């Protein structure tokens, strides 16, 4: 398993912290970001093995983050985390490799991280 962290990007502190705590309970290192701009700064410091990305956020949303990430030439896999009915379409729009619908279960989240991590 990679020592690089999973980057959890969500403007909702309760979701961000719950995902972080859950993944860390399973021994998975985690970094968090409150929006796409914050996430880009974290990626510049250390490329994550996976990005769990909310789409609707202030400052820089998921679409803007994905575009800016592509422009850096860094390509960690991205999984969209959203409650939106359009989740699959949104994931396709940004080139994400998967979707974890909110609300999600523990097995669903850990399964996605294990399946999609590099």
PDB file of N, CA and C in Angstrom:
ATOM      1  N   UNK A   1       0.847  -1.185   0.000  1.00  0.00           N
ATOM      2  CA  UNK A   1       0.000   0.000   0.000  1.00  0.00           C
ATOM      3  C   UNK A   1       0.886   1.239   0.000  1.00  0.00           C
ATOM      4  N   UNK A   2       0.527   2.240  -0.760  1.00  0.00           N
ATOM      5  CA  UNK A   2       1.312   3.461  -0.906  1.00  0.00           C
ATOM      6  C   UNK A   2       1.353   4.256   0.393  1.00  0.00           C
ATOM      7  N   UNK A   3       2.491   4.910   0.638  1.00  0.00           N
ATOM      8  CA  UNK A   3       2.587   5.783   1.803  1.00  0.00           C
ATOM      9  C   UNK A   3       2.070   7.180   1.484  1.00  0.00           C
ATOM     10  N   UNK A   4       1.806   7.433   0.200  1.00  0.00           N
ATOM     11  CA  UNK A   4       1.237   8.732  -0.168  1.00  0.00           C
ATOM     12  C   UNK A   4      -0.190   8.803   0.361  1.00  0.00           C
ATOM     13  N   UNK A   5      -0.616   9.993   0.769  1.00  0.00           N
ATOM     14  CA  UNK A   5      -1.942  10.118   1.364  1.00  0.00           C
ATOM     15  C   UNK A   5      -3.067  10.105   0.340  1.00  0.00           C
ATOM     16  N   UNK A   6      -4.245   9.849   0.844  1.00  0.00           N
ATOM     17  CA  UNK A   6      -5.474  10.110   0.107  1.00  0.00           C
ATOM     18  C   UNK A   6      -5.824  11.559   0.429  1.00  0.00           C
ATOM     19  N   UNK A   7      -6.128  12.344  -0.590  1.00  0.00           N
ATOM     20  CA  UNK A   7      -6.510  13.738  -0.394  1.00  0.00           C
ATOM     21  C   UNK A   7      -8.030  13.839  -0.413  1.00  0.00           C
ATOM     22  N   UNK A   8      -8.609  14.267   0.705  1.00  0.00           N
ATOM     23  CA  UNK A   8     -10.055  14.426   0.835  1.00  0.00           C
ATOM     24  C   UNK A   8     -10.373  15.908   0.671  1.00  0.00           C
ATOM     25  N   UNK A   9     -11.138  16.241  -0.388  1.00  0.00           N
ATOM     26  CA  UNK A   9     -11.447  17.632  -0.708  1.00  0.00           C
ATOM     27  C   UNK A   9     -12.950  17.841  -0.569  1.00  0.00           C
ATOM     28  N   UNK A  10     -13.341  18.568   0.479  1.00  0.00           N
ATOM     29  CA  UNK A  10     -14.761  18.812   0.735  1.00  0.00           C
ATOM     30  C   UNK A  10     -14.883  20.057   1.591  1.00  0.00           C
ATOM     31  N   UNK A  11     -15.808  20.947   1.242  1.00  0.00           N
ATOM     32  CA  UNK A  11     -15.983  22.166   2.024  1.00  0.00           C
ATOM     33  C   UNK A  11     -16.769  21.928   3.305  1.00  0.00           C
ATOM     34  N   UNK A  12     -17.407  20.781   3.439  1.00  0.00           N
ATOM     35  CA  UNK A  12     -18.170  20.450   4.639  1.00  0.00           C
ATOM     36  C   UNK A  12     -17.224  19.802   5.653  1.00  0.00           C
ATOM     37  N   UNK A  13     -16.934  20.528   6.729  1.00  0.00           N
ATOM     38  CA  UNK A  13     -15.965  20.047   7.721  1.00  0.00           C
ATOM     39  C   UNK A  13     -16.388  18.713   8.332  1.00  0.00           C
ATOM     40  N   UNK A  14     -17.681  18.513   8.559  1.00  0.00           N
ATOM     41  CA  UNK A  14     -18.140  17.267   9.176  1.00  0.00           C
ATOM     42  C   UNK A  14     -17.842  16.074   8.263  1.00  0.00           C
ATOM     43  N   UNK A  15     -18.092  16.230   6.975  1.00  0.00           N
ATOM     44  CA  UNK A  15     -17.815  15.147   6.022  1.00  0.00           C
ATOM     45  C   UNK A  15     -16.310  14.939   5.886  1.00  0.00           C
ATOM     46  N   UNK A  16     -15.593  16.032   5.710  1.00  0.00           N
ATOM     47  CA  UNK A  16     -14.140  15.957   5.562  1.00  0.00           C
ATOM     48  C   UNK A  16     -13.492  15.241   6.757  1.00  0.00           C
ATOM     49  N   UNK A  17     -13.898  15.620   7.951  1.00  0.00           N
ATOM     50  CA  UNK A  17     -13.317  15.026   9.155  1.00  0.00           C
ATOM     51  C   UNK A  17     -13.752  13.583   9.348  1.00  0.00           C
ATOM     52  N   UNK A  18     -14.999  13.273   9.013  1.00  0.00           N
ATOM     53  CA  UNK A  18     -15.485  11.896   9.150  1.00  0.00           C
ATOM     54  C   UNK A  18     -14.736  10.965   8.195  1.00  0.00           C
ATOM     55  N   UNK A  19     -14.548  11.403   6.962  1.00  0.00           N
ATOM     56  CA  UNK A  19     -13.818  10.595   5.977  1.00  0.00           C
ATOM     57  C   UNK A  19     -12.371  10.420   6.431  1.00  0.00           C
ATOM     58  N   UNK A  20     -11.744  11.511   6.857  1.00  0.00           N
ATOM     59  CA  UNK A  20     -10.361  11.436   7.352  1.00  0.00           C
ATOM     60  C   UNK A  20     -10.239  10.437   8.498  1.00  0.00           C
ATOM     61  N   UNK A  21     -11.117  10.570   9.502  1.00  0.00           N
ATOM     62  CA  UNK A  21     -11.052   9.692  10.673  1.00  0.00           C
ATOM     63  C   UNK A  21     -11.261   8.230  10.288  1.00  0.00           C
ATOM     64  N   UNK A  22     -12.213   7.985   9.410  1.00  0.00           N
ATOM     65  CA  UNK A  22     -12.501   6.620   8.981  1.00  0.00           C
ATOM     66  C   UNK A  22     -11.305   6.014   8.254  1.00  0.00           C
ATOM     67  N   UNK A  23     -10.747   6.737   7.302  1.00  0.00           N
ATOM     68  CA  UNK A  23      -9.607   6.209   6.552  1.00  0.00           C
ATOM     69  C   UNK A  23      -8.410   5.992   7.464  1.00  0.00           C
ATOM     70  N   UNK A  24      -8.162   6.936   8.364  1.00  0.00           N
ATOM     71  CA  UNK A  24      -7.037   6.780   9.287  1.00  0.00           C
ATOM     72  C   UNK A  24      -7.237   5.585  10.213  1.00  0.00           C
ATOM     73  N   UNK A  25      -8.495   5.302  10.587  1.00  0.00           N
ATOM     74  CA  UNK A  25      -8.781   4.107  11.397  1.00  0.00           C
ATOM     75  C   UNK A  25      -8.374   2.832  10.662  1.00  0.00           C
ATOM     76  N   UNK A  26      -8.370   2.871   9.336  1.00  0.00           N
ATOM     77  CA  UNK A  26      -7.966   1.724   8.522  1.00  0.00           C
ATOM     78  C   UNK A  26      -6.493   1.807   8.121  1.00  0.00           C
ATOM     79  N   UNK A  27      -5.758   2.731   8.748  1.00  0.00           N
ATOM     80  CA  UNK A  27      -4.331   2.839   8.503  1.00  0.00           C
ATOM     81  C   UNK A  27      -3.960   3.546   7.213  1.00  0.00           C
ATOM     82  N   UNK A  28      -4.901   4.294   6.661  1.00  0.00           N
ATOM     83  CA  UNK A  28      -4.660   4.995   5.396  1.00  0.00           C
ATOM     84  C   UNK A  28      -4.293   6.444   5.700  1.00  0.00           C
ATOM     85  N   UNK A  29      -3.110   6.905   5.265  1.00  0.00           N
ATOM     86  CA  UNK A  29      -2.740   8.295   5.514  1.00  0.00           C
ATOM     87  C   UNK A  29      -3.637   9.242   4.719  1.00  0.00           C
ATOM     88  N   UNK A  30      -3.970  10.371   5.332  1.00  0.00           N
ATOM     89  CA  UNK A  30      -4.925  11.309   4.736  1.00  0.00           C
ATOM     90  C   UNK A  30      -4.421  12.744   4.862  1.00  0.00           C
ATOM     91  N   UNK A  31      -4.645  13.514   3.813  1.00  0.00           N
ATOM     92  CA  UNK A  31      -4.534  14.977   3.825  1.00  0.00           C
ATOM     93  C   UNK A  31      -5.934  15.482   3.518  1.00  0.00           C
ATOM     94  N   UNK A  32      -6.253  16.677   4.009  1.00  0.00           N
ATOM     95  CA  UNK A  32      -7.562  17.249   3.711  1.00  0.00           C
ATOM     96  C   UNK A  32      -7.411  18.630   3.115  1.00  0.00           C
ATOM     97  N   UNK A  33      -8.422  19.035   2.352  1.00  0.00           N
ATOM     98  CA  UNK A  33      -8.483  20.358   1.755  1.00  0.00           C
ATOM     99  C   UNK A  33      -9.937  20.827   1.772  1.00  0.00           C
ATOM    100  N   UNK A  34     -10.123  22.129   1.955  1.00  0.00           N
ATOM    101  CA  UNK A  34     -11.470  22.682   2.088  1.00  0.00           C
ATOM    102  C   UNK A  34     -12.085  23.101   0.760  1.00  0.00           C
ATOM    103  N   UNK A  35     -11.266  23.188  -0.299  1.00  0.00           N
ATOM    104  CA  UNK A  35     -11.765  23.572  -1.620  1.00  0.00           C
ATOM    105  C   UNK A  35     -10.700  23.214  -2.653  1.00  0.00           C
ATOM    106  N   UNK A  36     -11.012  23.437  -3.919  1.00  0.00           N
ATOM    107  CA  UNK A  36     -10.087  23.064  -4.979  1.00  0.00           C
ATOM    108  C   UNK A  36      -8.767  23.813  -4.940  1.00  0.00           C
ATOM    109  N   UNK A  37      -8.803  25.083  -4.567  1.00  0.00           N
ATOM    110  CA  UNK A  37      -7.559  25.867  -4.492  1.00  0.00           C
ATOM    111  C   UNK A  37      -6.643  25.311  -3.409  1.00  0.00           C
ATOM    112  N   UNK A  38      -7.214  25.026  -2.250  1.00  0.00           N
ATOM    113  CA  UNK A  38      -6.463  24.421  -1.150  1.00  0.00           C
ATOM    114  C   UNK A  38      -5.907  23.060  -1.586  1.00  0.00           C
ATOM    115  N   UNK A  39      -6.708  22.301  -2.317  1.00  0.00           N
ATOM    116  CA  UNK A  39      -6.289  20.976  -2.789  1.00  0.00           C
ATOM    117  C   UNK A  39      -5.117  21.070  -3.756  1.00  0.00           C
ATOM    118  N   UNK A  40      -5.128  22.057  -4.658  1.00  0.00           N
ATOM    119  CA  UNK A  40      -4.016  22.225  -5.593  1.00  0.00           C
ATOM    120  C   UNK A  40      -2.716  22.510  -4.845  1.00  0.00           C
ATOM    121  N   UNK A  41      -2.799  23.308  -3.789  1.00  0.00           N
ATOM    122  CA  UNK A  41      -1.614  23.595  -2.976  1.00  0.00           C
ATOM    123  C   UNK A  41      -1.097  22.318  -2.311  1.00  0.00           C
ATOM    124  N   UNK A  42      -2.003  21.472  -1.830  1.00  0.00           N
ATOM    125  CA  UNK A  42      -1.593  20.210  -1.197  1.00  0.00           C
ATOM    126  C   UNK A  42      -0.947  19.281  -2.217  1.00  0.00           C
ATOM    127  N   UNK A  43      -1.508  19.210  -3.426  1.00  0.00           N
ATOM    128  CA  UNK A  43      -0.952  18.354  -4.478  1.00  0.00           C
ATOM    129  C   UNK A  43       0.448  18.836  -4.858  1.00  0.00           C
ATOM    130  N   UNK A  44       0.654  20.148  -4.865  1.00  0.00           N
ATOM    131  CA  UNK A  44       1.974  20.692  -5.200  1.00  0.00           C
ATOM    132  C   UNK A  44       3.019  20.295  -4.161  1.00  0.00           C
ATOM    133  N   UNK A  45       2.581  20.117  -2.919  1.00  0.00           N
ATOM    134  CA  UNK A  45       3.492  19.705  -1.849  1.00  0.00           C
ATOM    135  C   UNK A  45       3.797  18.219  -1.904  1.00  0.00           C
ATOM    136  N   UNK A  46       2.775  17.428  -2.162  1.00  0.00           N
ATOM    137  CA  UNK A  46       2.925  15.968  -2.182  1.00  0.00           C
ATOM    138  C   UNK A  46       1.785  15.370  -2.991  1.00  0.00           C
ATOM    139  N   UNK A  47       2.122  14.649  -4.042  1.00  0.00           N
ATOM    140  CA  UNK A  47       1.091  14.061  -4.903  1.00  0.00           C
ATOM    141  C   UNK A  47       0.385  12.940  -4.145  1.00  0.00           C
ATOM    142  N   UNK A  48      -0.942  13.034  -4.028  1.00  0.00           N
ATOM    143  CA  UNK A  48      -1.674  11.983  -3.327  1.00  0.00           C
ATOM    144  C   UNK A  48      -1.822  10.738  -4.189  1.00  0.00           C
ATOM    145  N   UNK A  49      -2.098   9.623  -3.527  1.00  0.00           N
ATOM    146  CA  UNK A  49      -2.342   8.394  -4.287  1.00  0.00           C
ATOM    147  C   UNK A  49      -3.756   8.370  -4.834  1.00  0.00           C
ATOM    148  N   UNK A  50      -4.648   9.198  -4.268  1.00  0.00           N
ATOM    149  CA  UNK A  50      -6.041   9.265  -4.686  1.00  0.00           C
ATOM    150  C   UNK A  50      -6.617  10.582  -4.187  1.00  0.00           C
ATOM    151  N   UNK A  51      -7.510  11.176  -4.979  1.00  0.00           N
ATOM    152  CA  UNK A  51      -8.238  12.372  -4.559  1.00  0.00           C
ATOM    153  C   UNK A  51      -9.708  12.007  -4.447  1.00  0.00           C
ATOM    154  N   UNK A  52     -10.288  12.198  -3.256  1.00  0.00           N
ATOM    155  CA  UNK A  52     -11.731  12.059  -3.055  1.00  0.00           C
ATOM    156  C   UNK A  52     -12.284  13.479  -3.116  1.00  0.00           C
ATOM    157  N   UNK A  53     -13.048  13.777  -4.168  1.00  0.00           N
ATOM    158  CA  UNK A  53     -13.381  15.154  -4.527  1.00  0.00           C
ATOM    159  C   UNK A  53     -14.869  15.446  -4.480  1.00  0.00           C
ATOM    160  N   UNK A  54     -15.239  16.398  -3.638  1.00  0.00           N
ATOM    161  CA  UNK A  54     -16.582  16.972  -3.693  1.00  0.00           C
ATOM    162  C   UNK A  54     -16.600  17.894  -4.918  1.00  0.00           C
ATOM    163  N   UNK A  55     -17.751  18.096  -5.510  1.00  0.00           N
ATOM    164  CA  UNK A  55     -17.823  18.910  -6.721  1.00  0.00           C
ATOM    165  C   UNK A  55     -18.267  20.340  -6.455  1.00  0.00           C
ATOM    166  N   UNK A  56     -19.224  20.514  -5.574  1.00  0.00           N
ATOM    167  CA  UNK A  56     -19.768  21.851  -5.329  1.00  0.00           C
ATOM    168  C   UNK A  56     -19.111  22.438  -4.079  1.00  0.00           C
ATOM    169  N   UNK A  57     -18.167  23.356  -4.315  1.00  0.00           N
ATOM    170  CA  UNK A  57     -17.425  24.003  -3.226  1.00  0.00           C
ATOM    171  C   UNK A  57     -17.185  25.450  -3.595  1.00  0.00           C
ATOM    172  N   UNK A  58     -17.037  26.311  -2.581  1.00  0.00           N
ATOM    173  CA  UNK A  58     -16.675  27.702  -2.865  1.00  0.00           C
ATOM    174  C   UNK A  58     -15.192  27.807  -3.249  1.00  0.00           C
ATOM    175  N   UNK A  59     -14.781  28.954  -3.680  1.00  0.00           N
ATOM    176  CA  UNK A  59     -13.411  29.312  -4.071  1.00  0.00           C
ATOM    177  C   UNK A  59     -13.040  28.643  -5.392  1.00  0.00           C
ATOM    178  N   UNK A  60     -12.895  27.317  -5.400  1.00  0.00           N
ATOM    179  CA  UNK A  60     -12.616  26.578  -6.634  1.00  0.00           C
ATOM    180  C   UNK A  60     -13.339  25.249  -6.533  1.00  0.00           C
ATOM    181  N   UNK A  61     -14.315  25.036  -7.416  1.00  0.00           N
ATOM    182  CA  UNK A  61     -15.131  23.819  -7.355  1.00  0.00           C
ATOM    183  C   UNK A  61     -14.401  22.626  -7.972  1.00  0.00           C
ATOM    184  N   UNK A  62     -15.059  21.486  -7.986  1.00  0.00           N
ATOM    185  CA  UNK A  62     -14.452  20.253  -8.498  1.00  0.00           C
ATOM    186  C   UNK A  62     -14.067  20.328  -9.958  1.00  0.00           C
ATOM    187  N   UNK A  63     -14.894  21.000 -10.767  1.00  0.00           N
ATOM    188  CA  UNK A  63     -14.577  21.136 -12.195  1.00  0.00           C
ATOM    189  C   UNK A  63     -13.308  21.972 -12.379  1.00  0.00           C
ATOM    190  N   UNK A  64     -13.228  23.089 -11.668  1.00  0.00           N
ATOM    191  CA  UNK A  64     -12.065  23.959 -11.755  1.00  0.00           C
ATOM    192  C   UNK A  64     -10.809  23.273 -11.240  1.00  0.00           C
ATOM    193  N   UNK A  65     -10.945  22.529 -10.148  1.00  0.00           N
ATOM    194  CA  UNK A  65      -9.806  21.790  -9.607  1.00  0.00           C
ATOM    195  C   UNK A  65      -9.301  20.778 -10.629  1.00  0.00           C
ATOM    196  N   UNK A  66     -10.210  20.010 -11.213  1.00  0.00           N
ATOM    197  CA  UNK A  66      -9.807  18.972 -12.173  1.00  0.00           C
ATOM    198  C   UNK A  66      -9.090  19.575 -13.371  1.00  0.00           C
ATOM    199  N   UNK A  67      -9.585  20.702 -13.865  1.00  0.00           N
ATOM    200  CA  UNK A  67      -8.946  21.361 -15.007  1.00  0.00           C
ATOM    201  C   UNK A  67      -7.556  21.865 -14.623  1.00  0.00           C
ATOM    202  N   UNK A  68      -7.456  22.521 -13.486  1.00  0.00           N
ATOM    203  CA  UNK A  68      -6.161  23.045 -13.033  1.00  0.00           C
ATOM    204  C   UNK A  68      -5.183  21.906 -12.755  1.00  0.00           C
ATOM    205  N   UNK A  69      -5.672  20.799 -12.217  1.00  0.00           N
ATOM    206  CA  UNK A  69      -4.818  19.643 -11.946  1.00  0.00           C
ATOM    207  C   UNK A  69      -4.247  19.094 -13.251  1.00  0.00           C
ATOM    208  N   UNK A  70      -5.097  18.951 -14.269  1.00  0.00           N
ATOM    209  CA  UNK A  70      -4.625  18.480 -15.582  1.00  0.00           C
ATOM    210  C   UNK A  70      -3.529  19.387 -16.131  1.00  0.00           C
ATOM    211  N   UNK A  71      -3.698  20.694 -15.933  1.00  0.00           N
ATOM    212  CA  UNK A  71      -2.722  21.658 -16.445  1.00  0.00           C
ATOM    213  C   UNK A  71      -1.366  21.533 -15.759  1.00  0.00           C
ATOM    214  N   UNK A  72      -1.326  20.970 -14.544  1.00  0.00           N
ATOM    215  CA  UNK A  72      -0.053  20.786 -13.842  1.00  0.00           C
ATOM    216  C   UNK A  72       0.713  19.584 -14.388  1.00  0.00           C
ATOM    217  N   UNK A  73       0.014  18.689 -15.091  1.00  0.00           N
ATOM    218  CA  UNK A  73       0.651  17.476 -15.593  1.00  0.00           C
ATOM    219  C   UNK A  73       0.698  16.357 -14.565  1.00  0.00           C
ATOM    220  N   UNK A  74       0.223  16.627 -13.364  1.00  0.00           N
ATOM    221  CA  UNK A  74       0.152  15.612 -12.305  1.00  0.00           C
ATOM    222  C   UNK A  74      -1.203  14.935 -12.427  1.00  0.00           C
ATOM    223  N   UNK A  75      -1.220  13.615 -12.322  1.00  0.00           N
ATOM    224  CA  UNK A  75      -2.480  12.921 -12.593  1.00  0.00           C
ATOM    225  C   UNK A  75      -2.827  11.848 -11.566  1.00  0.00           C
ATOM    226  N   UNK A  76      -3.031  12.224 -10.296  1.00  0.00           N
ATOM    227  CA  UNK A  76      -3.519  11.211  -9.364  1.00  0.00           C
ATOM    228  C   UNK A  76      -4.953  10.838  -9.744  1.00  0.00           C
ATOM    229  N   UNK A  77      -5.364   9.609  -9.469  1.00  0.00           N
ATOM    230  CA  UNK A  77      -6.746   9.254  -9.755  1.00  0.00           C
ATOM    231  C   UNK A  77      -7.707  10.068  -8.885  1.00  0.00           C
ATOM    232  N   UNK A  78      -8.863  10.386  -9.467  1.00  0.00           N
ATOM    233  CA  UNK A  78      -9.875  11.184  -8.778  1.00  0.00           C
ATOM    234  C   UNK A  78     -11.163  10.391  -8.701  1.00  0.00           C
ATOM    235  N   UNK A  79     -11.765  10.380  -7.502  1.00  0.00           N
ATOM    236  CA  UNK A  79     -13.081   9.788  -7.284  1.00  0.00           C
ATOM    237  C   UNK A  79     -13.982  10.903  -6.771  1.00  0.00           C
ATOM    238  N   UNK A  80     -15.113  11.080  -7.424  1.00  0.00           N
ATOM    239  CA  UNK A  80     -16.075  12.111  -7.042  1.00  0.00           C
ATOM    240  C   UNK A  80     -16.907  11.616  -5.863  1.00  0.00           C
ATOM    241  N   UNK A  81     -17.029  12.483  -4.838  1.00  0.00           N
ATOM    242  CA  UNK A  81     -17.913  12.214  -3.689  1.00  0.00           C
ATOM    243  C   UNK A  81     -19.023  13.259  -3.721  1.00  0.00           C
ATOM    244  N   UNK A  82     -20.238  12.836  -4.009  1.00  0.00           N
ATOM    245  CA  UNK A  82     -21.345  13.793  -4.065  1.00  0.00           C
ATOM    246  C   UNK A  82     -22.685  13.093  -3.858  1.00  0.00           C
ATOM    247  N   UNK A  83     -23.651  13.874  -3.414  1.00  0.00           N
ATOM    248  CA  UNK A  83     -25.016  13.368  -3.272  1.00  0.00           C
ATOM    249  C   UNK A  83     -25.850  13.672  -4.514  1.00  0.00           C
ATOM    250  N   UNK A  84     -25.270  14.363  -5.473  1.00  0.00           N
ATOM    251  CA  UNK A  84     -26.011  14.796  -6.657  1.00  0.00           C
ATOM    252  C   UNK A  84     -26.440  13.622  -7.528  1.00  0.00           C
ATOM    253  N   UNK A  85     -27.607  13.742  -8.114  1.00  0.00           N
ATOM    254  CA  UNK A  85     -28.109  12.712  -9.027  1.00  0.00           C
ATOM    255  C   UNK A  85     -27.228  12.613 -10.274  1.00  0.00           C
ATOM    256  N   UNK A  86     -26.544  13.702 -10.614  1.00  0.00           N
ATOM    257  CA  UNK A  86     -25.696  13.754 -11.808  1.00  0.00           C
ATOM    258  C   UNK A  86     -24.265  13.279 -11.541  1.00  0.00           C
ATOM    259  N   UNK A  87     -24.037  12.599 -10.459  1.00  0.00           N
ATOM    260  CA  UNK A  87     -22.676  12.240 -10.035  1.00  0.00           C
ATOM    261  C   UNK A  87     -21.878  11.542 -11.130  1.00  0.00           C
ATOM    262  N   UNK A  88     -22.444  10.558 -11.781  1.00  0.00           N
ATOM    263  CA  UNK A  88     -21.707   9.811 -12.811  1.00  0.00           C
ATOM    264  C   UNK A  88     -21.352  10.718 -13.980  1.00  0.00           C
ATOM    265  N   UNK A  89     -22.293  11.559 -14.409  1.00  0.00           N
ATOM    266  CA  UNK A  89     -22.023  12.481 -15.515  1.00  0.00           C
ATOM    267  C   UNK A  89     -20.926  13.468 -15.127  1.00  0.00           C
ATOM    268  N   UNK A  90     -21.001  13.985 -13.905  1.00  0.00           N
ATOM    269  CA  UNK A  90     -19.978  14.920 -13.433  1.00  0.00           C
ATOM    270  C   UNK A  90     -18.614  14.247 -13.403  1.00  0.00           C
ATOM    271  N   UNK A  91     -18.568  13.015 -12.918  1.00  0.00           N
ATOM    272  CA  UNK A  91     -17.309  12.275 -12.873  1.00  0.00           C
ATOM    273  C   UNK A  91     -16.741  12.116 -14.283  1.00  0.00           C
ATOM    274  N   UNK A  92     -17.614  11.788 -15.230  1.00  0.00           N
ATOM    275  CA  UNK A  92     -17.177  11.646 -16.619  1.00  0.00           C
ATOM    276  C   UNK A  92     -16.659  12.974 -17.173  1.00  0.00           C
ATOM    277  N   UNK A  93     -17.329  14.071 -16.820  1.00  0.00           N
ATOM    278  CA  UNK A  93     -16.926  15.394 -17.315  1.00  0.00           C
ATOM    279  C   UNK A  93     -15.506  15.757 -16.897  1.00  0.00           C
ATOM    280  N   UNK A  94     -15.100  15.348 -15.703  1.00  0.00           N
ATOM    281  CA  UNK A  94     -13.769  15.730 -15.216  1.00  0.00           C
ATOM    282  C   UNK A  94     -12.738  14.610 -15.361  1.00  0.00           C
ATOM    283  N   UNK A  95     -13.147  13.475 -15.922  1.00  0.00           N
ATOM    284  CA  UNK A  95     -12.208  12.373 -16.099  1.00  0.00           C
ATOM    285  C   UNK A  95     -11.945  11.575 -14.833  1.00  0.00           C
ATOM    286  N   UNK A  96     -12.880  11.620 -13.888  1.00  0.00           N
ATOM    287  CA  UNK A  96     -12.730  10.845 -12.657  1.00  0.00           C
ATOM    288  C   UNK A  96     -12.905   9.353 -12.949  1.00  0.00           C
ATOM    289  N   UNK A  97     -12.265   8.536 -12.133  1.00  0.00           N
ATOM    290  CA  UNK A  97     -12.327   7.083 -12.364  1.00  0.00           C
ATOM    291  C   UNK A  97     -13.445   6.403 -11.591  1.00  0.00           C
ATOM    292  N   UNK A  98     -14.115   7.138 -10.709  1.00  0.00           N
ATOM    293  CA  UNK A  98     -15.179   6.526  -9.941  1.00  0.00           C
ATOM    294  C   UNK A  98     -16.009   7.554  -9.207  1.00  0.00           C
ATOM    295  N   UNK A  99     -17.068   7.047  -8.568  1.00  0.00           N
ATOM    296  CA  UNK A  99     -17.985   7.873  -7.795  1.00  0.00           C
ATOM    297  C   UNK A  99     -18.276   7.156  -6.484  1.00  0.00           C
ATOM    298  N   UNK A 100     -18.277   7.917  -5.394  1.00  0.00           N
ATOM    299  CA  UNK A 100     -18.760   7.434  -4.104  1.00  0.00           C
ATOM    300  C   UNK A 100     -19.931   8.329  -3.746  1.00  0.00           C
ATOM    301  N   UNK A 101     -21.161   7.793  -3.868  1.00  0.00           N
ATOM    302  CA  UNK A 101     -22.329   8.639  -3.591  1.00  0.00           C
ATOM    303  C   UNK A 101     -22.479   8.914  -2.100  1.00  0.00           C
ATOM    304  N   UNK A 102     -22.824  10.170  -1.771  1.00  0.00           N
ATOM    305  CA  UNK A 102     -23.139  10.534  -0.387  1.00  0.00           C
ATOM    306  C   UNK A 102     -24.622  10.307  -0.177  1.00  0.00           C
ATOM    307  N   UNK A 103     -25.059   9.817   0.941  1.00  0.00           N
ATOM    308  CA  UNK A 103     -24.233   9.309   2.030  1.00  0.00           C
ATOM    309  C   UNK A 103     -23.655   7.939   1.657  1.00  0.00           C
ATOM    310  N   UNK A 104     -22.472   7.659   2.135  1.00  0.00           N
ATOM    311  CA  UNK A 104     -21.814   6.401   1.802  1.00  0.00           C
ATOM    312  C   UNK A 104     -21.587   5.595   3.072  1.00  0.00           C
ATOM    313  N   UNK A 105     -21.454   4.295   2.878  1.00  0.00           N
ATOM    314  CA  UNK A 105     -21.158   3.404   3.992  1.00  0.00           C
ATOM    315  C   UNK A 105     -19.656   3.202   4.116  1.00  0.00           C
ATOM    316  N   UNK A 106     -19.243   2.687   5.233  1.00  0.00           N
ATOM    317  CA  UNK A 106     -17.822   2.429   5.493  1.00  0.00           C
ATOM    318  C   UNK A 106     -17.237   1.512   4.431  1.00  0.00           C
ATOM    319  N   UNK A 107     -17.913   0.411   4.149  1.00  0.00           N
ATOM    320  CA  UNK A 107     -17.393  -0.556   3.183  1.00  0.00           C
ATOM    321  C   UNK A 107     -17.272   0.066   1.797  1.00  0.00           C
ATOM    322  N   UNK A 108     -18.245   0.895   1.441  1.00  0.00           N
ATOM    323  CA  UNK A 108     -18.244   1.552   0.131  1.00  0.00           C
ATOM    324  C   UNK A 108     -17.044   2.491   0.001  1.00  0.00           C
ATOM    325  N   UNK A 109     -16.783   3.269   1.035  1.00  0.00           N
ATOM    326  CA  UNK A 109     -15.679   4.217   1.001  1.00  0.00           C
ATOM    327  C   UNK A 109     -14.329   3.494   0.987  1.00  0.00           C
ATOM    328  N   UNK A 110     -14.141   2.559   1.892  1.00  0.00           N
ATOM    329  CA  UNK A 110     -12.869   1.826   1.958  1.00  0.00           C
ATOM    330  C   UNK A 110     -12.662   1.027   0.675  1.00  0.00           C
ATOM    331  N   UNK A 111     -13.724   0.444   0.149  1.00  0.00           N
ATOM    332  CA  UNK A 111     -13.633  -0.305  -1.107  1.00  0.00           C
ATOM    333  C   UNK A 111     -13.171   0.576  -2.248  1.00  0.00           C
ATOM    334  N   UNK A 112     -13.709   1.792  -2.343  1.00  0.00           N
ATOM    335  CA  UNK A 112     -13.322   2.717  -3.404  1.00  0.00           C
ATOM    336  C   UNK A 112     -11.853   3.124  -3.257  1.00  0.00           C
ATOM    337  N   UNK A 113     -11.429   3.401  -2.039  1.00  0.00           N
ATOM    338  CA  UNK A 113     -10.035   3.778  -1.817  1.00  0.00           C
ATOM    339  C   UNK A 113      -9.107   2.634  -2.210  1.00  0.00           C
ATOM    340  N   UNK A 114      -9.435   1.429  -1.792  1.00  0.00           N
ATOM    341  CA  UNK A 114      -8.584   0.274  -2.129  1.00  0.00           C
ATOM    342  C   UNK A 114      -8.591  -0.026  -3.628  1.00  0.00           C
ATOM    343  N   UNK A 115      -9.734   0.140  -4.254  1.00  0.00           N
ATOM    344  CA  UNK A 115      -9.877  -0.168  -5.681  1.00  0.00           C
ATOM    345  C   UNK A 115      -9.158   0.852  -6.569  1.00  0.00           C
ATOM    346  N   UNK A 116      -9.225   2.130  -6.196  1.00  0.00           N
ATOM    347  CA  UNK A 116      -8.749   3.177  -7.086  1.00  0.00           C
ATOM    348  C   UNK A 116      -7.402   3.776  -6.717  1.00  0.00           C
ATOM    349  N   UNK A 117      -6.853   3.427  -5.562  1.00  0.00           N
ATOM    350  CA  UNK A 117      -5.563   4.008  -5.158  1.00  0.00           C
ATOM    351  C   UNK A 117      -4.445   3.514  -6.048  1.00  0.00           C
ATOM    352  N   UNK A 118      -3.490   4.394  -6.295  1.00  0.00           N
ATOM    353  CA  UNK A 118      -2.319   4.007  -7.094  1.00  0.00           C
ATOM    354  C   UNK A 118      -1.203   3.502  -6.208  1.00  0.00           C
TER     355      UNK A 118
END
